[in-house]
Amino acid sequence: MGDDSSNSHFLGGVLMILYSLCKSFDICGRVGGVRKALKLLCTSQNYGVRATGQQCTEAGDICAICQAEFREPLILMCQHVFCEECLCLWLDRERTCPLCRSVAVDTVRCWKDGATSAHFQVY
């Protein structure tokens, strides 16, 4: 009877060590992802430069996205002008200019749409 008790304690200890090792490897594997996420959070995305009054006038003084007068206008590399807020909302989902579809942003930040690569944790 005492033999069964010591065997169950031994088995419990082995299982606890295996569980701890699995969790440790899982945590170590996620450190790279945390570093990448922190780096993305600390860097600001520059979509364009401030548009001058003349550039806004040449663009018609109306944002093609919101159809209102420009508020804090930005000009893209393709020379199209948009409100900063409108452009940021657009570029959260797309990586191209809303008018000519030329590439405006090098990378798409998938996490902005709520997508995640986190998997269900069983243990």
N, C-alpha and C. Protein backbone atom coordinates (compact mmCIF):
# COMPACT_ATOMS: atom_id res chain seq x y z
N MET A 1 0.82 -1.18 0.00
CA MET A 1 0.00 0.00 0.00
C MET A 1 0.87 1.25 0.00
N GLY A 2 1.90 1.26 0.81
CA GLY A 2 2.83 2.38 0.83
C GLY A 2 3.58 2.53 -0.47
N ASP A 3 3.76 1.42 -1.17
CA ASP A 3 4.45 1.42 -2.46
C ASP A 3 3.64 2.17 -3.51
N ASP A 4 2.32 1.99 -3.49
CA ASP A 4 1.44 2.68 -4.44
C ASP A 4 1.47 4.19 -4.22
N SER A 5 1.53 4.59 -2.96
CA SER A 5 1.56 6.01 -2.63
C SER A 5 2.84 6.67 -3.13
N SER A 6 3.98 6.00 -2.95
CA SER A 6 5.25 6.58 -3.42
C SER A 6 5.30 6.61 -4.94
N ASN A 7 4.73 5.59 -5.60
CA ASN A 7 4.68 5.59 -7.07
C ASN A 7 3.83 6.73 -7.61
N SER A 8 2.70 6.99 -6.94
CA SER A 8 1.83 8.07 -7.41
C SER A 8 2.49 9.43 -7.18
N HIS A 9 3.24 9.59 -6.07
CA HIS A 9 3.96 10.84 -5.83
C HIS A 9 5.06 11.02 -6.87
N PHE A 10 5.75 9.94 -7.19
CA PHE A 10 6.82 10.00 -8.20
C PHE A 10 6.24 10.37 -9.57
N LEU A 11 5.14 9.73 -9.95
CA LEU A 11 4.49 10.02 -11.22
C LEU A 11 3.98 11.46 -11.26
N GLY A 12 3.42 11.91 -10.15
CA GLY A 12 2.96 13.30 -10.05
C GLY A 12 4.11 14.28 -10.23
N GLY A 13 5.25 13.98 -9.62
CA GLY A 13 6.43 14.84 -9.76
C GLY A 13 6.94 14.89 -11.19
N VAL A 14 6.99 13.72 -11.83
CA VAL A 14 7.45 13.66 -13.23
C VAL A 14 6.51 14.46 -14.13
N LEU A 15 5.21 14.29 -13.94
CA LEU A 15 4.24 15.03 -14.75
C LEU A 15 4.33 16.53 -14.52
N MET A 16 4.58 16.94 -13.27
CA MET A 16 4.72 18.35 -12.97
C MET A 16 5.96 18.93 -13.65
N ILE A 17 7.04 18.20 -13.66
CA ILE A 17 8.27 18.65 -14.32
C ILE A 17 8.05 18.76 -15.83
N LEU A 18 7.40 17.76 -16.43
CA LEU A 18 7.11 17.81 -17.86
C LEU A 18 6.21 19.00 -18.21
N TYR A 19 5.21 19.23 -17.40
CA TYR A 19 4.31 20.35 -17.61
C TYR A 19 5.08 21.67 -17.54
N SER A 20 5.94 21.81 -16.53
CA SER A 20 6.73 23.03 -16.36
C SER A 20 7.67 23.24 -17.55
N LEU A 21 8.28 22.18 -18.04
CA LEU A 21 9.16 22.29 -19.21
C LEU A 21 8.38 22.75 -20.44
N CYS A 22 7.21 22.15 -20.66
CA CYS A 22 6.39 22.55 -21.81
C CYS A 22 6.00 24.02 -21.72
N LYS A 23 5.58 24.46 -20.57
CA LYS A 23 5.22 25.87 -20.38
C LYS A 23 6.42 26.78 -20.59
N SER A 24 7.60 26.38 -20.10
CA SER A 24 8.81 27.19 -20.27
C SER A 24 9.17 27.34 -21.73
N PHE A 25 9.11 26.26 -22.49
CA PHE A 25 9.41 26.33 -23.92
C PHE A 25 8.39 27.20 -24.65
N ASP A 26 7.14 27.12 -24.24
CA ASP A 26 6.09 27.94 -24.85
C ASP A 26 6.35 29.42 -24.59
N ILE A 27 6.72 29.76 -23.36
CA ILE A 27 7.00 31.15 -23.00
C ILE A 27 8.23 31.65 -23.75
N CYS A 28 9.28 30.85 -23.82
CA CYS A 28 10.49 31.25 -24.54
C CYS A 28 10.20 31.48 -26.02
N GLY A 29 9.31 30.69 -26.59
CA GLY A 29 8.96 30.86 -27.99
C GLY A 29 8.19 32.13 -28.26
N ARG A 30 7.49 32.63 -27.27
CA ARG A 30 6.69 33.85 -27.44
C ARG A 30 7.48 35.13 -27.20
N VAL A 31 8.67 35.05 -26.66
CA VAL A 31 9.47 36.24 -26.38
C VAL A 31 9.74 37.01 -27.67
N GLY A 32 10.04 36.30 -28.75
CA GLY A 32 10.29 36.96 -30.03
C GLY A 32 9.07 37.72 -30.52
N GLY A 33 7.91 37.15 -30.34
CA GLY A 33 6.67 37.82 -30.74
C GLY A 33 6.40 39.07 -29.92
N VAL A 34 6.71 39.00 -28.64
CA VAL A 34 6.53 40.16 -27.77
C VAL A 34 7.49 41.28 -28.18
N ARG A 35 8.72 40.93 -28.47
CA ARG A 35 9.69 41.94 -28.93
C ARG A 35 9.22 42.61 -30.21
N LYS A 36 8.73 41.81 -31.14
CA LYS A 36 8.26 42.35 -32.42
C LYS A 36 7.06 43.28 -32.20
N ALA A 37 6.15 42.88 -31.33
CA ALA A 37 4.97 43.71 -31.04
C ALA A 37 5.37 45.03 -30.39
N LEU A 38 6.31 44.98 -29.45
CA LEU A 38 6.78 46.21 -28.81
C LEU A 38 7.46 47.13 -29.80
N LYS A 39 8.22 46.56 -30.71
CA LYS A 39 8.89 47.36 -31.74
C LYS A 39 7.86 48.05 -32.63
N LEU A 40 6.81 47.33 -33.02
CA LEU A 40 5.76 47.93 -33.85
C LEU A 40 5.00 49.02 -33.11
N LEU A 41 4.78 48.83 -31.81
CA LEU A 41 4.07 49.83 -31.03
C LEU A 41 4.89 51.10 -30.84
N CYS A 42 6.20 50.95 -30.77
CA CYS A 42 7.07 52.09 -30.52
C CYS A 42 7.41 52.88 -31.78
N THR A 43 7.17 52.31 -32.95
CA THR A 43 7.46 53.02 -34.19
C THR A 43 6.18 53.63 -34.73
N SER A 44 6.29 54.84 -35.21
CA SER A 44 5.12 55.49 -35.79
C SER A 44 5.18 55.35 -37.31
N GLN A 45 4.03 55.17 -37.90
CA GLN A 45 3.94 55.00 -39.35
C GLN A 45 3.80 56.37 -39.99
N ASN A 46 4.64 56.68 -40.95
CA ASN A 46 4.58 57.95 -41.66
C ASN A 46 3.96 57.69 -43.02
N TYR A 47 2.74 58.19 -43.22
CA TYR A 47 2.03 57.93 -44.47
C TYR A 47 2.34 58.95 -45.56
N GLY A 48 2.73 60.13 -45.19
CA GLY A 48 3.02 61.17 -46.17
C GLY A 48 3.52 62.41 -45.45
N VAL A 49 3.57 63.52 -46.18
CA VAL A 49 4.02 64.79 -45.59
C VAL A 49 2.86 65.77 -45.61
N ARG A 50 2.95 66.80 -44.79
CA ARG A 50 1.91 67.82 -44.74
C ARG A 50 1.81 68.51 -46.10
N ALA A 51 0.60 68.67 -46.56
CA ALA A 51 0.36 69.33 -47.84
C ALA A 51 0.31 70.84 -47.63
N THR A 52 0.85 71.57 -48.57
CA THR A 52 0.82 73.04 -48.52
C THR A 52 -0.55 73.52 -48.98
N GLY A 53 -0.82 74.79 -48.76
CA GLY A 53 -2.09 75.37 -49.21
C GLY A 53 -2.24 75.28 -50.72
N GLN A 54 -1.14 75.48 -51.43
CA GLN A 54 -1.18 75.41 -52.90
C GLN A 54 -1.51 73.98 -53.36
N GLN A 55 -0.91 72.99 -52.71
CA GLN A 55 -1.19 71.60 -53.07
C GLN A 55 -2.65 71.24 -52.80
N CYS A 56 -3.20 71.78 -51.71
CA CYS A 56 -4.61 71.54 -51.40
C CYS A 56 -5.51 72.18 -52.45
N THR A 57 -5.16 73.40 -52.86
CA THR A 57 -5.95 74.09 -53.88
C THR A 57 -5.90 73.33 -55.20
N GLU A 58 -4.72 72.85 -55.56
CA GLU A 58 -4.59 72.09 -56.80
C GLU A 58 -5.39 70.79 -56.75
N ALA A 59 -5.57 70.24 -55.54
CA ALA A 59 -6.34 69.00 -55.38
C ALA A 59 -7.84 69.27 -55.28
N GLY A 60 -8.22 70.55 -55.30
CA GLY A 60 -9.64 70.89 -55.27
C GLY A 60 -10.19 71.22 -53.90
N ASP A 61 -9.35 71.29 -52.88
CA ASP A 61 -9.74 71.63 -51.50
C ASP A 61 -10.77 70.67 -50.89
N ILE A 62 -11.00 69.52 -51.52
CA ILE A 62 -11.97 68.54 -51.03
C ILE A 62 -11.28 67.18 -50.92
N CYS A 63 -11.44 66.54 -49.78
CA CYS A 63 -10.88 65.20 -49.58
C CYS A 63 -11.72 64.19 -50.36
N ALA A 64 -11.07 63.35 -51.13
CA ALA A 64 -11.78 62.36 -51.95
C ALA A 64 -12.43 61.26 -51.10
N ILE A 65 -12.00 61.13 -49.86
CA ILE A 65 -12.56 60.08 -49.00
C ILE A 65 -13.81 60.57 -48.27
N CYS A 66 -13.70 61.69 -47.57
CA CYS A 66 -14.83 62.18 -46.76
C CYS A 66 -15.68 63.22 -47.48
N GLN A 67 -15.23 63.70 -48.64
CA GLN A 67 -15.95 64.70 -49.44
C GLN A 67 -16.18 66.01 -48.68
N ALA A 68 -15.27 66.34 -47.77
CA ALA A 68 -15.33 67.60 -47.02
C ALA A 68 -14.01 68.34 -47.24
N GLU A 69 -13.95 69.58 -46.74
CA GLU A 69 -12.70 70.33 -46.86
C GLU A 69 -11.61 69.61 -46.07
N PHE A 70 -10.38 69.77 -46.55
CA PHE A 70 -9.25 69.09 -45.92
C PHE A 70 -9.09 69.51 -44.47
N ARG A 71 -8.87 68.53 -43.60
CA ARG A 71 -8.50 68.76 -42.21
C ARG A 71 -7.14 68.09 -42.01
N GLU A 72 -6.14 68.86 -41.71
CA GLU A 72 -4.77 68.36 -41.55
C GLU A 72 -4.37 67.51 -42.76
N PRO A 73 -4.28 68.12 -43.93
CA PRO A 73 -4.04 67.36 -45.16
C PRO A 73 -2.63 66.77 -45.25
N LEU A 74 -2.57 65.56 -45.80
CA LEU A 74 -1.31 64.87 -46.09
C LEU A 74 -1.25 64.60 -47.59
N ILE A 75 -0.05 64.69 -48.14
CA ILE A 75 0.14 64.37 -49.55
C ILE A 75 0.99 63.10 -49.64
N LEU A 76 0.53 62.16 -50.44
CA LEU A 76 1.24 60.89 -50.63
C LEU A 76 2.31 61.05 -51.70
N MET A 77 3.11 60.01 -51.87
CA MET A 77 4.16 60.01 -52.89
C MET A 77 3.57 60.16 -54.30
N CYS A 78 2.35 59.71 -54.50
CA CYS A 78 1.69 59.80 -55.80
C CYS A 78 1.08 61.18 -56.03
N GLN A 79 1.25 62.09 -55.07
CA GLN A 79 0.79 63.47 -55.13
C GLN A 79 -0.71 63.64 -54.91
N HIS A 80 -1.39 62.65 -54.37
CA HIS A 80 -2.80 62.80 -54.01
C HIS A 80 -2.89 63.28 -52.56
N VAL A 81 -3.86 64.15 -52.29
CA VAL A 81 -4.00 64.78 -50.98
C VAL A 81 -5.28 64.27 -50.31
N PHE A 82 -5.16 63.96 -49.01
CA PHE A 82 -6.29 63.48 -48.21
C PHE A 82 -6.19 64.05 -46.80
N CYS A 83 -7.31 64.04 -46.08
CA CYS A 83 -7.27 64.39 -44.65
C CYS A 83 -6.44 63.32 -43.94
N GLU A 84 -5.71 63.73 -42.92
CA GLU A 84 -4.87 62.77 -42.20
C GLU A 84 -5.72 61.65 -41.58
N GLU A 85 -6.82 62.00 -40.94
CA GLU A 85 -7.65 60.99 -40.29
C GLU A 85 -8.25 60.03 -41.31
N CYS A 86 -8.73 60.57 -42.42
CA CYS A 86 -9.32 59.72 -43.48
C CYS A 86 -8.26 58.76 -44.03
N LEU A 87 -7.08 59.29 -44.28
CA LEU A 87 -6.01 58.47 -44.85
C LEU A 87 -5.57 57.38 -43.88
N CYS A 88 -5.47 57.71 -42.60
CA CYS A 88 -5.07 56.71 -41.60
C CYS A 88 -6.10 55.59 -41.51
N LEU A 89 -7.38 55.95 -41.53
CA LEU A 89 -8.43 54.92 -41.50
C LEU A 89 -8.36 54.03 -42.74
N TRP A 90 -8.13 54.64 -43.90
CA TRP A 90 -8.02 53.87 -45.14
C TRP A 90 -6.81 52.93 -45.08
N LEU A 91 -5.67 53.46 -44.67
CA LEU A 91 -4.44 52.67 -44.68
C LEU A 91 -4.38 51.64 -43.55
N ASP A 92 -5.31 51.71 -42.62
CA ASP A 92 -5.41 50.63 -41.63
C ASP A 92 -5.89 49.35 -42.29
N ARG A 93 -6.64 49.47 -43.38
CA ARG A 93 -7.19 48.30 -44.07
C ARG A 93 -6.49 48.00 -45.39
N GLU A 94 -6.04 49.02 -46.07
CA GLU A 94 -5.42 48.87 -47.39
C GLU A 94 -3.98 49.38 -47.33
N ARG A 95 -3.22 49.12 -48.38
CA ARG A 95 -1.85 49.65 -48.43
C ARG A 95 -1.62 50.50 -49.67
N THR A 96 -2.71 50.86 -50.35
CA THR A 96 -2.61 51.61 -51.60
C THR A 96 -3.33 52.95 -51.48
N CYS A 97 -3.01 53.85 -52.39
CA CYS A 97 -3.69 55.14 -52.49
C CYS A 97 -5.15 54.89 -52.87
N PRO A 98 -6.10 55.59 -52.24
CA PRO A 98 -7.51 55.37 -52.56
C PRO A 98 -7.88 55.75 -54.00
N LEU A 99 -7.11 56.64 -54.62
CA LEU A 99 -7.45 57.08 -55.98
C LEU A 99 -6.73 56.29 -57.08
N CYS A 100 -5.42 56.20 -56.99
CA CYS A 100 -4.66 55.60 -58.10
C CYS A 100 -4.17 54.18 -57.80
N ARG A 101 -4.35 53.73 -56.57
CA ARG A 101 -3.96 52.37 -56.14
C ARG A 101 -2.45 52.12 -56.17
N SER A 102 -1.65 53.18 -56.20
CA SER A 102 -0.20 52.97 -56.08
C SER A 102 0.10 52.64 -54.62
N VAL A 103 1.14 51.88 -54.38
CA VAL A 103 1.48 51.44 -53.02
C VAL A 103 1.88 52.65 -52.18
N ALA A 104 1.18 52.81 -51.06
CA ALA A 104 1.45 53.94 -50.17
C ALA A 104 2.16 53.51 -48.90
N VAL A 105 1.97 52.25 -48.50
CA VAL A 105 2.55 51.71 -47.27
C VAL A 105 3.22 50.40 -47.61
N ASP A 106 4.44 50.20 -47.08
CA ASP A 106 5.19 48.98 -47.39
C ASP A 106 4.58 47.74 -46.77
N THR A 107 4.11 47.85 -45.55
CA THR A 107 3.60 46.67 -44.85
C THR A 107 2.17 46.91 -44.40
N VAL A 108 1.41 45.85 -44.32
CA VAL A 108 0.06 45.90 -43.77
C VAL A 108 0.14 45.34 -42.36
N ARG A 109 -0.35 46.09 -41.42
CA ARG A 109 -0.33 45.63 -40.03
C ARG A 109 -1.61 44.84 -39.77
N CYS A 110 -1.51 43.55 -39.87
CA CYS A 110 -2.68 42.67 -39.78
C CYS A 110 -3.40 42.81 -38.44
N TRP A 111 -2.67 43.15 -37.41
CA TRP A 111 -3.28 43.19 -36.09
C TRP A 111 -4.29 44.32 -35.96
N LYS A 112 -4.24 45.30 -36.85
CA LYS A 112 -5.16 46.43 -36.74
C LYS A 112 -6.60 46.04 -37.02
N ASP A 113 -6.81 44.97 -37.77
CA ASP A 113 -8.18 44.56 -38.08
C ASP A 113 -8.72 43.56 -37.05
N GLY A 114 -7.99 43.35 -35.98
CA GLY A 114 -8.44 42.43 -34.94
C GLY A 114 -7.99 41.01 -35.14
N ALA A 115 -7.31 40.74 -36.24
CA ALA A 115 -6.82 39.38 -36.49
C ALA A 115 -5.71 39.05 -35.50
N THR A 116 -5.62 37.81 -35.14
CA THR A 116 -4.58 37.38 -34.22
C THR A 116 -4.11 35.98 -34.58
N SER A 117 -2.88 35.71 -34.25
CA SER A 117 -2.36 34.37 -34.51
C SER A 117 -2.32 33.54 -33.23
N ALA A 118 -2.87 34.09 -32.16
CA ALA A 118 -2.86 33.36 -30.89
C ALA A 118 -3.74 32.11 -31.02
N HIS A 119 -3.22 31.01 -30.55
CA HIS A 119 -3.97 29.76 -30.61
C HIS A 119 -4.58 29.45 -29.25
N PHE A 120 -5.54 28.58 -29.26
CA PHE A 120 -6.21 28.17 -28.04
C PHE A 120 -5.24 27.43 -27.13
N GLN A 121 -5.19 27.83 -25.88
CA GLN A 121 -4.29 27.20 -24.91
C GLN A 121 -5.01 26.06 -24.21
N VAL A 122 -4.48 24.86 -24.36
CA VAL A 122 -5.07 23.69 -23.71
C VAL A 122 -4.50 23.52 -22.31
N TYR A 123 -3.25 23.82 -22.14
CA TYR A 123 -2.61 23.60 -20.85
C TYR A 123 -2.24 24.91 -20.20
